[in-house]
Protein backbone atom coordinates (compact mmCIF):
# COMPACT_ATOMS: atom_id res chain seq x y z
CA MET A 1 183.16 -87.74 -22.74
CA THR A 2 185.49 -89.31 -20.21
CA VAL A 3 186.19 -85.93 -18.62
CA ALA A 4 182.48 -85.19 -18.33
CA MET A 5 181.80 -88.62 -16.85
CA LYS A 6 184.60 -88.40 -14.30
CA ALA A 7 183.43 -84.96 -13.19
CA GLN A 8 179.98 -86.34 -12.29
CA ALA A 9 178.88 -88.75 -9.57
CA ARG A 10 178.46 -92.44 -10.32
CA TRP A 11 174.92 -93.78 -10.40
CA GLU A 12 174.56 -96.49 -7.76
CA VAL A 13 171.85 -98.29 -9.76
CA MET A 14 174.42 -98.91 -12.50
CA ASP A 15 177.34 -99.57 -10.18
CA ARG A 16 177.05 -103.36 -10.43
CA THR A 17 179.25 -106.15 -11.76
CA ASP A 18 176.78 -107.27 -14.44
CA VAL A 19 176.42 -103.71 -15.76
CA PHE A 20 180.20 -103.38 -15.79
CA TYR A 21 180.60 -106.58 -17.85
CA ALA A 22 177.83 -105.50 -20.21
CA GLY A 23 179.84 -102.31 -20.75
CA VAL A 24 182.99 -104.31 -21.44
CA ALA A 25 181.09 -106.48 -23.96
CA LEU A 26 179.75 -103.39 -25.71
CA MET A 27 183.23 -101.91 -25.92
CA VAL A 28 184.60 -105.13 -27.41
CA LEU A 29 181.76 -105.24 -29.95
CA GLY A 30 182.17 -101.56 -30.78
CA THR A 31 185.91 -101.87 -31.20
CA VAL A 32 185.51 -104.89 -33.50
CA LEU A 33 183.03 -102.98 -35.66
CA VAL A 34 185.19 -99.85 -35.87
CA VAL A 35 188.51 -101.64 -36.46
CA CYS A 36 187.07 -104.04 -39.04
CA SER A 37 185.40 -101.12 -40.83
CA PHE A 38 188.70 -99.31 -40.98
CA LEU A 39 190.46 -102.43 -42.27
CA SER A 40 187.78 -102.91 -44.94
CA LEU A 41 187.84 -99.30 -46.11
CA GLY A 42 191.48 -98.41 -45.54
CA PHE A 43 192.69 -94.96 -44.58
CA ILE A 44 191.54 -93.24 -47.75
CA GLY A 45 188.13 -94.94 -47.77
CA THR A 46 187.62 -94.07 -44.12
CA PHE A 47 188.75 -90.46 -44.00
CA LEU A 48 188.70 -89.10 -47.55
CA GLY A 49 186.58 -91.40 -49.67
CA ASP A 50 183.21 -90.50 -51.03
CA TYR A 51 183.22 -86.78 -50.30
CA PHE A 52 186.37 -86.21 -52.34
CA GLY A 53 185.39 -88.50 -55.19
CA ILE A 54 187.79 -91.25 -54.16
CA LEU A 55 185.63 -94.34 -54.47
CA MET A 56 186.37 -97.96 -53.72
CA ASP A 57 186.26 -100.29 -56.74
CA GLU A 58 182.89 -101.41 -55.39
CA LYS A 59 180.81 -100.46 -52.41
CA VAL A 60 182.09 -102.49 -49.44
CA THR A 61 179.50 -105.07 -48.39
CA GLY A 62 181.57 -107.63 -46.47
CA PHE A 63 182.00 -107.80 -42.71
CA PRO A 64 181.11 -105.67 -40.80
CA PHE A 65 179.02 -103.91 -43.46
CA ASN A 66 176.96 -107.07 -43.86
CA ILE A 67 175.98 -106.79 -40.17
CA THR A 68 175.09 -103.09 -40.19
CA GLU A 69 175.33 -100.53 -42.94
CA ASN A 70 177.11 -98.02 -40.72
CA PRO A 71 179.46 -100.04 -38.51
CA MET A 72 181.74 -97.15 -37.60
CA TYR A 73 178.86 -95.05 -36.30
CA TRP A 74 177.22 -97.89 -34.38
CA GLY A 75 180.55 -99.28 -33.21
CA SER A 76 181.59 -95.97 -31.73
CA THR A 77 178.12 -95.59 -30.19
CA ALA A 78 178.56 -99.02 -28.59
CA ASN A 79 181.94 -97.86 -27.27
CA TYR A 80 180.42 -94.74 -25.72
CA LEU A 81 177.58 -96.73 -24.17
CA GLY A 82 180.04 -99.31 -22.87
CA LEU A 83 182.16 -96.58 -21.34
CA ALA A 84 179.07 -95.09 -19.68
CA LEU A 85 178.10 -98.48 -18.25
CA ILE A 86 181.61 -99.24 -17.02
CA GLY A 87 181.73 -95.84 -15.35
CA ALA A 88 178.16 -96.16 -13.98
CA SER A 89 177.62 -92.72 -15.44
CA PRO A 90 174.21 -91.19 -16.06
CA VAL A 91 175.96 -88.29 -17.83
CA GLY A 92 177.62 -90.88 -20.07
CA LEU A 93 174.19 -92.30 -20.96
CA VAL A 94 172.90 -88.83 -21.89
CA LEU A 95 175.99 -88.04 -23.95
CA THR A 96 175.73 -91.42 -25.69
CA ALA A 97 172.12 -90.66 -26.60
CA ILE A 98 173.17 -87.28 -28.03
CA VAL A 99 175.92 -88.93 -30.08
CA ALA A 100 173.49 -91.59 -31.35
CA VAL A 101 171.01 -88.92 -32.46
CA ALA A 102 173.79 -86.99 -34.20
CA TYR A 103 174.87 -90.18 -35.99
CA LYS A 104 171.27 -90.90 -37.05
CA VAL A 105 171.07 -87.41 -38.58
CA ALA A 106 174.40 -87.94 -40.36
CA ILE A 107 173.24 -91.32 -41.68
CA ARG A 108 170.08 -89.76 -43.12
CA PHE A 109 172.27 -87.58 -45.34
CA GLU A 110 175.30 -89.79 -45.86
CA GLY A 111 173.46 -93.01 -46.73
CA PRO A 112 171.54 -91.66 -49.74
CA PHE A 113 174.61 -89.67 -50.85
CA THR A 114 176.78 -92.79 -50.86
CA GLU A 115 174.14 -94.80 -52.71
CA GLN A 116 173.80 -92.02 -55.29
CA ILE A 117 177.50 -91.68 -56.08
CA TYR A 118 177.96 -95.44 -56.49
CA GLN A 119 174.85 -95.63 -58.72
CA GLU A 120 176.11 -92.74 -60.84
CA ARG A 121 179.48 -94.41 -61.20
CA SER A 122 177.81 -97.68 -62.16
CA GLN A 123 175.77 -95.88 -64.82
CA ARG A 124 178.90 -94.19 -66.22
CA ARG A 125 180.68 -97.55 -66.45
CA LYS A 126 177.74 -99.07 -68.36
CA HIS A 127 177.93 -96.27 -70.94
CA GLU A 128 181.71 -96.53 -71.43
């Protein structure tokens, strides 16, 4: 994304101090969401987890999952948007929109899948 943004012209409408600081704020927010998600889930929960049958003891619901159900997706989207604003990049805005749509599609599949596997596990524990 950075390479694509640097290869394109800056957009003068966005090349302002307030837009720059909004971008910085979004990057701080995004980084907090992503880092706190990683700390809550750990390496295995983040990268291997549900798809390989390695479940947390319980579904994580504390911060930042109590703010948004998909903090890594929305945190990284905030980072991309912040980067686009800092760089005054219209290409960055378009790429951020594409990433956000891709994340929305992923969430449509991943969300119900995650709910299902934790419900199934809960049912198995009740019968044990």
